N, C-alpha and C. Protein backbone atom coordinates (compact mmCIF):
# COMPACT_ATOMS: atom_id res chain seq x y z
N MET A 1 92.62 97.90 100.84
CA MET A 1 91.69 98.63 100.00
C MET A 1 90.79 99.50 100.87
N ILE A 2 90.60 100.71 100.43
CA ILE A 2 89.71 101.66 101.10
C ILE A 2 88.45 101.76 100.25
N GLU A 3 87.30 101.75 100.91
CA GLU A 3 86.02 101.80 100.19
C GLU A 3 85.05 102.67 100.97
N ARG A 4 84.44 103.65 100.27
CA ARG A 4 83.43 104.50 100.91
C ARG A 4 82.31 104.77 99.92
N LYS A 5 81.10 104.89 100.47
CA LYS A 5 79.93 105.21 99.65
C LYS A 5 79.63 106.70 99.77
N VAL A 6 79.13 107.25 98.68
CA VAL A 6 78.78 108.66 98.65
C VAL A 6 77.57 108.82 97.72
N SER A 7 76.75 109.81 98.01
CA SER A 7 75.59 110.10 97.16
C SER A 7 75.91 111.26 96.23
N VAL A 8 75.37 111.18 95.04
CA VAL A 8 75.50 112.28 94.08
C VAL A 8 74.43 113.30 94.46
N ILE A 9 74.87 114.48 94.90
CA ILE A 9 73.92 115.47 95.39
C ILE A 9 73.81 116.70 94.49
N ASN A 10 74.72 116.84 93.53
CA ASN A 10 74.58 117.99 92.63
C ASN A 10 73.45 117.73 91.64
N LYS A 11 72.79 118.79 91.20
CA LYS A 11 71.57 118.69 90.40
C LYS A 11 71.73 117.94 89.08
N ARG A 12 72.86 118.12 88.42
CA ARG A 12 73.02 117.53 87.09
C ARG A 12 73.76 116.20 87.09
N GLY A 13 74.11 115.70 88.25
CA GLY A 13 74.79 114.41 88.33
C GLY A 13 76.21 114.47 87.80
N ILE A 14 76.74 113.31 87.47
CA ILE A 14 78.12 113.24 87.00
C ILE A 14 78.13 113.34 85.47
N HIS A 15 78.13 114.57 84.99
CA HIS A 15 78.22 114.84 83.55
C HIS A 15 79.69 115.13 83.23
N ALA A 16 79.98 115.71 82.10
CA ALA A 16 81.37 115.88 81.63
C ALA A 16 82.26 116.65 82.61
N ARG A 17 81.80 117.79 83.11
CA ARG A 17 82.67 118.59 83.97
C ARG A 17 83.00 117.89 85.29
N PRO A 18 82.01 117.36 86.03
CA PRO A 18 82.36 116.63 87.25
C PRO A 18 83.23 115.39 86.96
N ALA A 19 82.96 114.71 85.86
CA ALA A 19 83.78 113.54 85.50
C ALA A 19 85.23 113.97 85.29
N SER A 20 85.42 115.08 84.62
CA SER A 20 86.76 115.60 84.39
C SER A 20 87.44 115.97 85.71
N THR A 21 86.69 116.56 86.61
CA THR A 21 87.23 116.94 87.92
C THR A 21 87.64 115.70 88.71
N ILE A 22 86.84 114.65 88.65
CA ILE A 22 87.18 113.39 89.33
C ILE A 22 88.49 112.83 88.76
N VAL A 23 88.59 112.79 87.43
CA VAL A 23 89.79 112.24 86.78
C VAL A 23 91.01 113.08 87.12
N GLN A 24 90.89 114.40 87.04
CA GLN A 24 92.02 115.28 87.35
C GLN A 24 92.49 115.09 88.79
N THR A 25 91.57 114.80 89.69
CA THR A 25 91.93 114.54 91.08
C THR A 25 92.59 113.18 91.22
N ALA A 26 91.97 112.15 90.64
CA ALA A 26 92.46 110.78 90.78
C ALA A 26 93.87 110.59 90.22
N ILE A 27 94.18 111.24 89.10
CA ILE A 27 95.49 111.02 88.48
C ILE A 27 96.64 111.63 89.27
N LYS A 28 96.34 112.45 90.26
CA LYS A 28 97.38 113.01 91.12
C LYS A 28 97.92 111.99 92.12
N PHE A 29 97.23 110.86 92.23
CA PHE A 29 97.59 109.85 93.23
C PHE A 29 98.10 108.58 92.54
N LYS A 30 98.89 107.82 93.27
CA LYS A 30 99.47 106.58 92.74
C LYS A 30 98.49 105.41 92.81
N SER A 31 97.58 105.44 93.74
CA SER A 31 96.66 104.32 93.95
C SER A 31 95.73 104.10 92.76
N ALA A 32 95.32 102.85 92.58
CA ALA A 32 94.28 102.51 91.61
C ALA A 32 92.95 102.93 92.24
N VAL A 33 92.11 103.59 91.46
CA VAL A 33 90.84 104.10 91.99
C VAL A 33 89.72 103.73 91.03
N GLU A 34 88.61 103.29 91.59
CA GLU A 34 87.44 103.03 90.76
C GLU A 34 86.18 103.52 91.46
N LEU A 35 85.21 103.85 90.63
CA LEU A 35 83.88 104.22 91.12
C LEU A 35 82.95 103.09 90.71
N VAL A 36 82.05 102.72 91.61
CA VAL A 36 81.12 101.64 91.33
C VAL A 36 79.69 102.14 91.56
N LYS A 37 78.85 101.92 90.55
CA LYS A 37 77.43 102.29 90.65
C LYS A 37 76.61 101.15 90.08
N ASP A 38 75.68 100.65 90.87
CA ASP A 38 74.79 99.56 90.44
C ASP A 38 75.56 98.37 89.88
N GLY A 39 76.70 98.06 90.49
CA GLY A 39 77.49 96.91 90.08
C GLY A 39 78.44 97.16 88.93
N ALA A 40 78.35 98.31 88.29
CA ALA A 40 79.25 98.65 87.19
C ALA A 40 80.43 99.46 87.74
N ALA A 41 81.64 99.03 87.41
CA ALA A 41 82.84 99.71 87.89
C ALA A 41 83.44 100.57 86.79
N ALA A 42 83.98 101.72 87.20
CA ALA A 42 84.62 102.64 86.27
C ALA A 42 85.99 103.04 86.81
N ASP A 43 86.97 103.07 85.94
CA ASP A 43 88.31 103.55 86.29
C ASP A 43 88.21 105.06 86.53
N ALA A 44 88.52 105.50 87.73
CA ALA A 44 88.39 106.93 88.07
C ALA A 44 89.44 107.79 87.38
N LYS A 45 90.37 107.17 86.67
CA LYS A 45 91.39 107.91 85.94
C LYS A 45 91.08 107.98 84.44
N SER A 46 89.85 107.59 84.07
CA SER A 46 89.40 107.61 82.67
C SER A 46 88.08 108.36 82.58
N ILE A 47 88.08 109.49 81.88
CA ILE A 47 86.87 110.30 81.80
C ILE A 47 85.72 109.55 81.13
N MET A 48 86.01 108.80 80.09
CA MET A 48 84.94 108.06 79.42
C MET A 48 84.34 107.00 80.34
N SER A 49 85.20 106.35 81.09
CA SER A 49 84.75 105.32 82.02
C SER A 49 83.84 105.92 83.09
N VAL A 50 84.24 107.07 83.64
CA VAL A 50 83.44 107.73 84.68
C VAL A 50 82.10 108.20 84.11
N MET A 51 82.11 108.76 82.93
CA MET A 51 80.87 109.26 82.32
C MET A 51 79.90 108.11 82.00
N MET A 52 80.43 106.95 81.67
CA MET A 52 79.59 105.80 81.33
C MET A 52 78.76 105.31 82.53
N LEU A 53 79.12 105.70 83.73
CA LEU A 53 78.32 105.30 84.90
C LEU A 53 76.94 105.95 84.89
N ALA A 54 76.82 107.08 84.21
CA ALA A 54 75.54 107.80 84.15
C ALA A 54 74.95 107.99 85.55
N ALA A 55 75.76 108.54 86.43
CA ALA A 55 75.33 108.74 87.82
C ALA A 55 74.54 110.04 87.96
N ALA A 56 73.24 109.92 88.04
CA ALA A 56 72.35 111.08 88.17
C ALA A 56 72.24 111.49 89.65
N GLN A 57 71.65 112.65 89.87
CA GLN A 57 71.41 113.11 91.24
C GLN A 57 70.63 112.03 91.99
N GLY A 58 71.07 111.75 93.20
CA GLY A 58 70.42 110.74 94.02
C GLY A 58 71.07 109.37 93.92
N SER A 59 71.93 109.18 92.95
CA SER A 59 72.64 107.90 92.80
C SER A 59 73.62 107.70 93.95
N GLU A 60 73.85 106.43 94.28
CA GLU A 60 74.88 106.11 95.26
C GLU A 60 76.07 105.52 94.53
N VAL A 61 77.25 106.05 94.83
CA VAL A 61 78.48 105.61 94.19
C VAL A 61 79.44 105.14 95.28
N THR A 62 80.11 104.03 95.03
CA THR A 62 81.14 103.55 95.93
C THR A 62 82.49 103.90 95.33
N ILE A 63 83.33 104.50 96.14
CA ILE A 63 84.69 104.83 95.72
C ILE A 63 85.62 103.80 96.34
N ARG A 64 86.41 103.14 95.50
CA ARG A 64 87.36 102.13 95.97
C ARG A 64 88.76 102.53 95.52
N ALA A 65 89.71 102.41 96.43
CA ALA A 65 91.10 102.71 96.09
C ALA A 65 92.00 101.68 96.74
N ASN A 66 93.05 101.36 96.01
CA ASN A 66 94.01 100.39 96.51
C ASN A 66 95.41 100.90 96.18
N GLY A 67 96.23 101.07 97.22
CA GLY A 67 97.60 101.55 97.02
C GLY A 67 98.07 102.35 98.20
N GLU A 68 99.26 102.89 98.06
CA GLU A 68 99.90 103.56 99.19
C GLU A 68 99.21 104.84 99.64
N ASP A 69 98.50 105.50 98.75
CA ASP A 69 97.81 106.74 99.12
C ASP A 69 96.29 106.60 98.94
N ALA A 70 95.79 105.40 99.15
CA ALA A 70 94.37 105.10 98.94
C ALA A 70 93.45 105.98 99.78
N GLN A 71 93.76 106.15 101.06
CA GLN A 71 92.90 106.96 101.92
C GLN A 71 92.85 108.41 101.44
N GLU A 72 93.98 108.94 101.02
CA GLU A 72 94.04 110.33 100.57
C GLU A 72 93.21 110.56 99.31
N VAL A 73 93.30 109.63 98.35
CA VAL A 73 92.54 109.82 97.11
C VAL A 73 91.05 109.67 97.36
N VAL A 74 90.66 108.73 98.20
CA VAL A 74 89.23 108.57 98.53
C VAL A 74 88.72 109.84 99.21
N ASP A 75 89.47 110.36 100.16
CA ASP A 75 89.07 111.60 100.84
C ASP A 75 88.94 112.76 99.86
N ALA A 76 89.87 112.87 98.92
CA ALA A 76 89.84 113.96 97.95
C ALA A 76 88.61 113.86 97.04
N ILE A 77 88.27 112.66 96.61
CA ILE A 77 87.10 112.49 95.74
C ILE A 77 85.80 112.68 96.51
N ILE A 78 85.76 112.21 97.74
CA ILE A 78 84.58 112.45 98.60
C ILE A 78 84.34 113.96 98.74
N ALA A 79 85.40 114.71 98.92
CA ALA A 79 85.28 116.17 99.07
C ALA A 79 84.65 116.79 97.83
N LEU A 80 84.98 116.29 96.64
CA LEU A 80 84.37 116.80 95.40
C LEU A 80 82.86 116.60 95.42
N PHE A 81 82.43 115.40 95.80
CA PHE A 81 81.00 115.10 95.87
C PHE A 81 80.32 116.00 96.90
N GLU A 82 80.95 116.16 98.06
CA GLU A 82 80.35 116.97 99.13
C GLU A 82 80.24 118.44 98.74
N ARG A 83 81.15 118.92 97.90
CA ARG A 83 81.11 120.31 97.42
C ARG A 83 80.22 120.46 96.20
N LYS A 84 79.55 119.37 95.82
CA LYS A 84 78.69 119.36 94.62
C LYS A 84 79.46 119.79 93.38
N PHE A 85 80.74 119.46 93.36
CA PHE A 85 81.61 119.80 92.23
C PHE A 85 81.59 121.30 91.93
N ASN A 86 81.32 122.10 92.97
CA ASN A 86 81.25 123.56 92.88
C ASN A 86 80.23 124.03 91.84
N GLU A 87 79.15 123.27 91.68
CA GLU A 87 78.12 123.62 90.69
C GLU A 87 76.88 124.28 91.28
N ASP A 88 76.44 123.87 92.42
CA ASP A 88 75.16 124.36 92.95
C ASP A 88 75.37 125.49 93.95
């Protein structure tokens, strides 16, 4: 299992568009992927699950992946956070 922490740095947090971008990225990979915030886990391949985390700017999210391409999917999702989901 690969696990990395990342901060939500875009101004509006993880609302519908960033959640959709996370899901669209995660479903390209075979590994199981989840996001964890404040002990609540969300399936990164489910938009409703990701949105339910209510991750606002400044939140810390842990990305966990398990499978043959776990490192690749974690790196791809980290890149989305670092690019502020191309919003700011």
